[in-house]
N, C-alpha and C. Protein backbone atom coordinates (compact mmCIF):
# COMPACT_ATOMS: atom_id res chain seq x y z
N MET A 1 32.21 201.56 107.26
CA MET A 1 32.56 200.60 108.28
C MET A 1 33.74 201.14 109.09
N LEU A 2 33.59 201.14 110.38
CA LEU A 2 34.63 201.61 111.27
C LEU A 2 35.54 200.46 111.67
N THR A 3 36.80 200.73 111.72
CA THR A 3 37.74 199.73 112.19
C THR A 3 38.47 200.28 113.40
N LYS A 4 38.69 199.44 114.34
CA LYS A 4 39.37 199.83 115.55
C LYS A 4 40.81 199.34 115.48
N GLN A 5 41.73 200.22 115.69
CA GLN A 5 43.14 199.85 115.65
C GLN A 5 43.53 199.25 117.00
N MET A 6 44.22 198.12 116.93
CA MET A 6 44.67 197.48 118.16
C MET A 6 45.98 198.11 118.60
N THR A 7 46.08 198.43 119.86
CA THR A 7 47.32 198.98 120.40
C THR A 7 47.83 198.05 121.50
N PHE A 8 49.13 197.89 121.50
CA PHE A 8 49.77 197.05 122.49
C PHE A 8 50.71 197.92 123.31
N ASN A 9 50.40 198.07 124.58
CA ASN A 9 51.20 198.92 125.45
C ASN A 9 52.34 198.16 126.12
N LYS A 10 52.20 196.87 126.20
CA LYS A 10 53.20 196.06 126.90
C LYS A 10 53.74 194.99 125.95
N PRO A 11 55.04 194.66 126.04
CA PRO A 11 55.62 193.65 125.15
C PRO A 11 54.97 192.27 125.30
N TRP A 12 54.50 191.94 126.51
CA TRP A 12 53.90 190.63 126.70
C TRP A 12 52.59 190.50 125.95
N GLN A 13 51.90 191.62 125.66
CA GLN A 13 50.67 191.57 124.87
C GLN A 13 50.96 191.12 123.44
N ILE A 14 52.05 191.60 122.89
CA ILE A 14 52.46 191.20 121.54
C ILE A 14 52.81 189.71 121.54
N LEU A 15 53.53 189.27 122.55
CA LEU A 15 53.91 187.87 122.66
C LEU A 15 52.68 186.96 122.72
N ILE A 16 51.70 187.34 123.49
CA ILE A 16 50.47 186.55 123.60
C ILE A 16 49.74 186.51 122.26
N MET A 17 49.68 187.64 121.56
CA MET A 17 49.02 187.69 120.26
C MET A 17 49.72 186.78 119.25
N VAL A 18 51.04 186.84 119.20
CA VAL A 18 51.80 186.00 118.26
C VAL A 18 51.62 184.53 118.61
N ALA A 19 51.69 184.19 119.90
CA ALA A 19 51.51 182.80 120.31
C ALA A 19 50.12 182.29 119.94
N SER A 20 49.12 183.14 120.09
CA SER A 20 47.75 182.76 119.73
C SER A 20 47.64 182.47 118.24
N ILE A 21 48.24 183.31 117.43
CA ILE A 21 48.20 183.11 115.97
C ILE A 21 48.89 181.81 115.59
N VAL A 22 50.05 181.55 116.18
CA VAL A 22 50.78 180.32 115.88
C VAL A 22 49.96 179.09 116.28
N LEU A 23 49.34 179.12 117.44
CA LEU A 23 48.52 177.98 117.89
C LEU A 23 47.30 177.79 117.00
N LEU A 24 46.68 178.86 116.58
CA LEU A 24 45.53 178.74 115.68
C LEU A 24 45.95 178.14 114.35
N GLN A 25 47.09 178.53 113.84
CA GLN A 25 47.59 177.96 112.59
C GLN A 25 47.87 176.47 112.75
N ALA A 26 48.44 176.09 113.88
CA ALA A 26 48.77 174.68 114.10
C ALA A 26 47.52 173.83 114.21
N GLN A 27 46.42 174.40 114.72
CA GLN A 27 45.19 173.64 114.90
C GLN A 27 44.26 173.73 113.71
N SER A 28 44.63 174.49 112.69
CA SER A 28 43.71 174.73 111.59
C SER A 28 43.59 173.57 110.62
N GLY A 29 44.40 172.52 110.80
CA GLY A 29 44.29 171.35 109.93
C GLY A 29 44.97 171.55 108.59
N ASN A 30 45.98 172.40 108.53
CA ASN A 30 46.65 172.64 107.27
C ASN A 30 47.81 171.69 107.03
N GLY A 31 47.92 170.66 107.85
CA GLY A 31 48.96 169.65 107.63
C GLY A 31 50.26 169.94 108.36
N TYR A 32 50.37 171.07 109.04
CA TYR A 32 51.60 171.39 109.73
C TYR A 32 51.44 171.10 111.21
N ARG A 33 52.47 170.51 111.75
CA ARG A 33 52.46 170.16 113.17
C ARG A 33 53.78 170.62 113.79
N PHE A 34 53.76 170.85 115.09
CA PHE A 34 55.00 171.24 115.76
C PHE A 34 56.03 170.12 115.74
N ASN A 35 55.57 168.88 115.75
CA ASN A 35 56.49 167.75 115.80
C ASN A 35 56.78 167.18 114.42
N LYS A 36 56.59 167.97 113.38
CA LYS A 36 56.80 167.49 112.02
C LYS A 36 58.29 167.16 111.82
N VAL A 37 58.55 166.04 111.20
CA VAL A 37 59.92 165.63 110.92
C VAL A 37 60.13 165.63 109.41
N GLN A 38 61.37 165.65 109.01
CA GLN A 38 61.73 165.65 107.60
C GLN A 38 61.17 164.39 106.92
N PRO A 39 60.45 164.56 105.81
CA PRO A 39 59.90 163.38 105.10
C PRO A 39 60.99 162.43 104.63
N ASN A 40 60.69 161.15 104.68
CA ASN A 40 61.60 160.09 104.24
C ASN A 40 62.96 160.13 104.95
N SER A 41 62.94 160.54 106.21
CA SER A 41 64.18 160.60 106.98
C SER A 41 64.24 159.43 107.96
N ILE A 42 65.43 159.20 108.47
CA ILE A 42 65.60 158.13 109.45
C ILE A 42 64.78 158.43 110.71
N ARG A 43 64.67 159.71 111.05
CA ARG A 43 63.87 160.10 112.22
C ARG A 43 62.40 159.75 112.02
N GLU A 44 61.87 160.02 110.82
CA GLU A 44 60.47 159.66 110.54
C GLU A 44 60.31 158.14 110.56
N PHE A 45 61.25 157.43 109.98
CA PHE A 45 61.22 155.97 109.92
C PHE A 45 61.03 155.38 111.31
N PHE A 46 61.87 155.80 112.25
CA PHE A 46 61.79 155.25 113.61
C PHE A 46 60.63 155.84 114.42
N SER A 47 60.21 157.07 114.12
CA SER A 47 59.08 157.65 114.84
C SER A 47 57.78 156.91 114.51
N LEU A 48 57.73 156.25 113.34
CA LEU A 48 56.55 155.48 112.95
C LEU A 48 56.65 154.02 113.39
N GLU A 49 57.67 153.72 114.22
CA GLU A 49 57.89 152.38 114.78
C GLU A 49 58.31 151.35 113.73
N CYS A 50 58.94 151.83 112.65
CA CYS A 50 59.51 150.89 111.68
C CYS A 50 60.82 150.38 112.26
N GLU A 51 61.24 149.20 111.80
CA GLU A 51 62.41 148.57 112.40
C GLU A 51 63.43 148.20 111.35
N GLY A 52 64.65 148.00 111.82
CA GLY A 52 65.71 147.53 110.94
C GLY A 52 66.58 148.66 110.39
N ASP A 53 67.30 148.32 109.34
CA ASP A 53 68.23 149.24 108.71
C ASP A 53 67.50 150.18 107.77
N PHE A 54 67.47 151.45 108.12
CA PHE A 54 66.74 152.44 107.33
C PHE A 54 67.28 152.53 105.89
N ILE A 55 68.58 152.47 105.75
CA ILE A 55 69.19 152.64 104.42
C ILE A 55 68.69 151.57 103.46
N SER A 56 68.63 150.33 103.90
CA SER A 56 68.19 149.25 103.00
C SER A 56 66.68 149.24 102.79
N LYS A 57 65.94 149.93 103.67
CA LYS A 57 64.48 149.93 103.57
C LYS A 57 63.92 151.29 103.13
N ARG A 58 64.80 152.21 102.81
CA ARG A 58 64.37 153.57 102.49
C ARG A 58 63.44 153.63 101.28
N GLU A 59 63.76 152.90 100.24
CA GLU A 59 62.93 152.93 99.02
C GLU A 59 61.53 152.37 99.30
N THR A 60 61.47 151.25 100.01
CA THR A 60 60.18 150.65 100.36
C THR A 60 59.38 151.59 101.26
N PHE A 61 60.05 152.18 102.24
CA PHE A 61 59.41 153.14 103.14
C PHE A 61 58.82 154.30 102.34
N SER A 62 59.56 154.78 101.38
CA SER A 62 59.11 155.90 100.56
C SER A 62 57.87 155.55 99.74
N VAL A 63 57.82 154.33 99.21
CA VAL A 63 56.65 153.88 98.44
C VAL A 63 55.41 153.89 99.33
N LEU A 64 55.53 153.35 100.53
CA LEU A 64 54.39 153.29 101.45
C LEU A 64 53.98 154.67 101.92
N ARG A 65 54.95 155.49 102.21
CA ARG A 65 54.68 156.85 102.65
C ARG A 65 53.95 157.64 101.56
N ASN A 66 54.34 157.41 100.32
CA ASN A 66 53.69 158.12 99.20
C ASN A 66 52.21 157.75 99.08
N ILE A 67 51.84 156.52 99.44
CA ILE A 67 50.42 156.14 99.43
C ILE A 67 49.66 157.02 100.41
N CYS A 68 50.22 157.20 101.60
CA CYS A 68 49.56 158.06 102.60
C CYS A 68 49.52 159.51 102.14
N GLU A 69 50.57 159.96 101.47
CA GLU A 69 50.59 161.33 100.92
C GLU A 69 49.49 161.51 99.88
N GLU A 70 49.36 160.54 98.99
CA GLU A 70 48.31 160.62 97.96
C GLU A 70 46.92 160.61 98.58
N CYS A 71 46.77 159.81 99.61
CA CYS A 71 45.49 159.75 100.32
C CYS A 71 45.20 161.09 100.99
N PHE A 72 46.22 161.70 101.58
CA PHE A 72 46.04 163.02 102.18
C PHE A 72 45.64 164.03 101.11
N ASN A 73 46.28 163.98 99.95
CA ASN A 73 45.94 164.91 98.86
C ASN A 73 44.50 164.72 98.40
N LEU A 74 44.00 163.50 98.53
CA LEU A 74 42.64 163.21 98.11
C LEU A 74 41.61 163.66 99.15
N TYR A 75 41.87 163.37 100.42
CA TYR A 75 40.89 163.62 101.49
C TYR A 75 41.17 164.86 102.33
N LYS A 76 42.39 165.36 102.33
CA LYS A 76 42.78 166.55 103.11
C LYS A 76 42.45 166.41 104.60
N ASN A 77 42.77 165.25 105.15
CA ASN A 77 42.49 164.98 106.55
C ASN A 77 43.79 164.58 107.25
N THR A 78 44.33 165.48 108.09
CA THR A 78 45.62 165.21 108.73
C THR A 78 45.55 164.05 109.71
N ASP A 79 44.42 163.88 110.40
CA ASP A 79 44.30 162.76 111.33
C ASP A 79 44.36 161.43 110.59
N PHE A 80 43.68 161.36 109.46
CA PHE A 80 43.70 160.13 108.66
C PHE A 80 45.10 159.88 108.11
N TYR A 81 45.80 160.95 107.74
CA TYR A 81 47.18 160.84 107.26
C TYR A 81 48.07 160.25 108.35
N ASP A 82 47.93 160.76 109.57
CA ASP A 82 48.72 160.22 110.68
C ASP A 82 48.36 158.76 110.96
N ASP A 83 47.06 158.44 110.91
CA ASP A 83 46.62 157.06 111.12
C ASP A 83 47.18 156.13 110.05
N CYS A 84 47.21 156.60 108.82
CA CYS A 84 47.71 155.80 107.70
C CYS A 84 49.16 155.37 107.92
N ARG A 85 49.96 156.25 108.51
CA ARG A 85 51.38 155.96 108.71
C ARG A 85 51.68 155.28 110.05
N SER A 86 50.70 155.27 110.95
CA SER A 86 50.96 154.75 112.29
C SER A 86 51.33 153.26 112.27
N ASN A 87 52.07 152.87 113.30
CA ASN A 87 52.49 151.48 113.46
C ASN A 87 53.21 150.96 112.22
N CYS A 88 53.99 151.83 111.62
CA CYS A 88 54.76 151.48 110.40
C CYS A 88 53.86 150.94 109.30
N PHE A 89 52.72 151.60 109.10
CA PHE A 89 51.76 151.30 108.03
C PHE A 89 50.95 150.03 108.27
N LYS A 90 51.17 149.35 109.39
CA LYS A 90 50.39 148.14 109.71
C LYS A 90 49.10 148.55 110.40
N ASN A 91 48.11 148.97 109.61
CA ASN A 91 46.84 149.43 110.17
C ASN A 91 45.77 149.41 109.09
N THR A 92 44.54 149.52 109.51
CA THR A 92 43.43 149.48 108.54
C THR A 92 43.33 150.77 107.73
N SER A 93 43.80 151.87 108.28
CA SER A 93 43.74 153.14 107.54
C SER A 93 44.58 153.09 106.27
N PHE A 94 45.74 152.44 106.36
CA PHE A 94 46.59 152.33 105.16
C PHE A 94 45.84 151.54 104.08
N LEU A 95 45.22 150.44 104.46
CA LEU A 95 44.50 149.64 103.48
C LEU A 95 43.28 150.39 102.93
N LYS A 96 42.67 151.24 103.75
CA LYS A 96 41.58 152.08 103.26
C LYS A 96 42.10 153.08 102.23
N CYS A 97 43.30 153.58 102.45
CA CYS A 97 43.92 154.48 101.48
C CYS A 97 44.15 153.76 100.15
N VAL A 98 44.66 152.55 100.24
CA VAL A 98 44.90 151.76 99.02
C VAL A 98 43.58 151.60 98.26
N SER A 99 42.50 151.31 98.97
CA SER A 99 41.19 151.17 98.33
C SER A 99 40.70 152.50 97.78
N GLY A 100 40.87 153.56 98.57
CA GLY A 100 40.42 154.88 98.15
C GLY A 100 41.14 155.37 96.90
N LEU A 101 42.37 154.93 96.73
CA LEU A 101 43.15 155.30 95.55
C LEU A 101 42.92 154.32 94.40
N GLN A 102 41.97 153.43 94.58
CA GLN A 102 41.59 152.42 93.59
C GLN A 102 42.78 151.56 93.18
N MET A 103 43.49 151.09 94.22
CA MET A 103 44.66 150.24 94.00
C MET A 103 44.50 148.89 94.69
N ASP A 104 43.25 148.44 94.83
CA ASP A 104 43.00 147.16 95.49
C ASP A 104 43.74 146.01 94.82
N HIS A 105 43.96 146.11 93.53
CA HIS A 105 44.67 145.04 92.82
C HIS A 105 46.13 144.92 93.26
N LYS A 106 46.66 145.94 93.98
CA LYS A 106 48.04 145.91 94.48
C LYS A 106 48.10 145.69 95.99
N ARG A 107 47.01 145.31 96.58
CA ARG A 107 46.95 145.16 98.04
C ARG A 107 48.02 144.18 98.54
N GLY A 108 48.15 143.03 97.91
CA GLY A 108 49.16 142.05 98.32
C GLY A 108 50.57 142.60 98.21
N TYR A 109 50.82 143.36 97.17
CA TYR A 109 52.12 144.00 96.97
C TYR A 109 52.44 144.93 98.14
N PHE A 110 51.46 145.75 98.53
CA PHE A 110 51.69 146.68 99.63
C PHE A 110 51.81 145.96 100.97
N GLU A 111 51.07 144.89 101.16
CA GLU A 111 51.19 144.12 102.40
C GLU A 111 52.60 143.52 102.54
N GLU A 112 53.18 143.08 101.43
CA GLU A 112 54.56 142.58 101.46
C GLU A 112 55.54 143.70 101.79
N LYS A 113 55.31 144.88 101.23
CA LYS A 113 56.17 146.04 101.51
C LYS A 113 56.09 146.42 102.99
N ILE A 114 54.89 146.34 103.56
CA ILE A 114 54.72 146.65 104.98
C ILE A 114 55.50 145.66 105.84
N LYS A 115 55.42 144.37 105.50
CA LYS A 115 56.19 143.37 106.26
C LYS A 115 57.67 143.68 106.20
N HIS A 116 58.14 144.14 105.05
CA HIS A 116 59.57 144.44 104.86
C HIS A 116 60.04 145.55 105.78
N VAL A 117 59.28 146.64 105.89
CA VAL A 117 59.74 147.76 106.72
C VAL A 117 59.41 147.60 108.20
N ALA A 118 58.46 146.74 108.51
CA ALA A 118 58.05 146.58 109.91
C ALA A 118 58.88 145.53 110.63
N GLN A 119 59.77 144.85 109.95
CA GLN A 119 60.58 143.80 110.58
C GLN A 119 61.99 144.27 110.81
């Protein structure tokens, strides 16, 4: 099998190649995004449209976020992960995650937690 060596005569060719690789990685669905924020941070809290004092709601926020993380680990779908967290967890995707994780018996518990962080 013959292989052809790639040669780059101009610096901009290398830049284009690196940018292409980075964009392909970002679109590959591996869970990494350019706008990724630190997990369980105040920035993530407000980016998901949660309201109130982050410090007093941090533990509750973390519990809800972990449900979406577990769901992502189960389904490996970044879009569903984003949907699960959207609108501060007040969405049908979050409840589908609860069902998918076979935690329907805790649905009321999670709905109360959502009210706590969304107010």
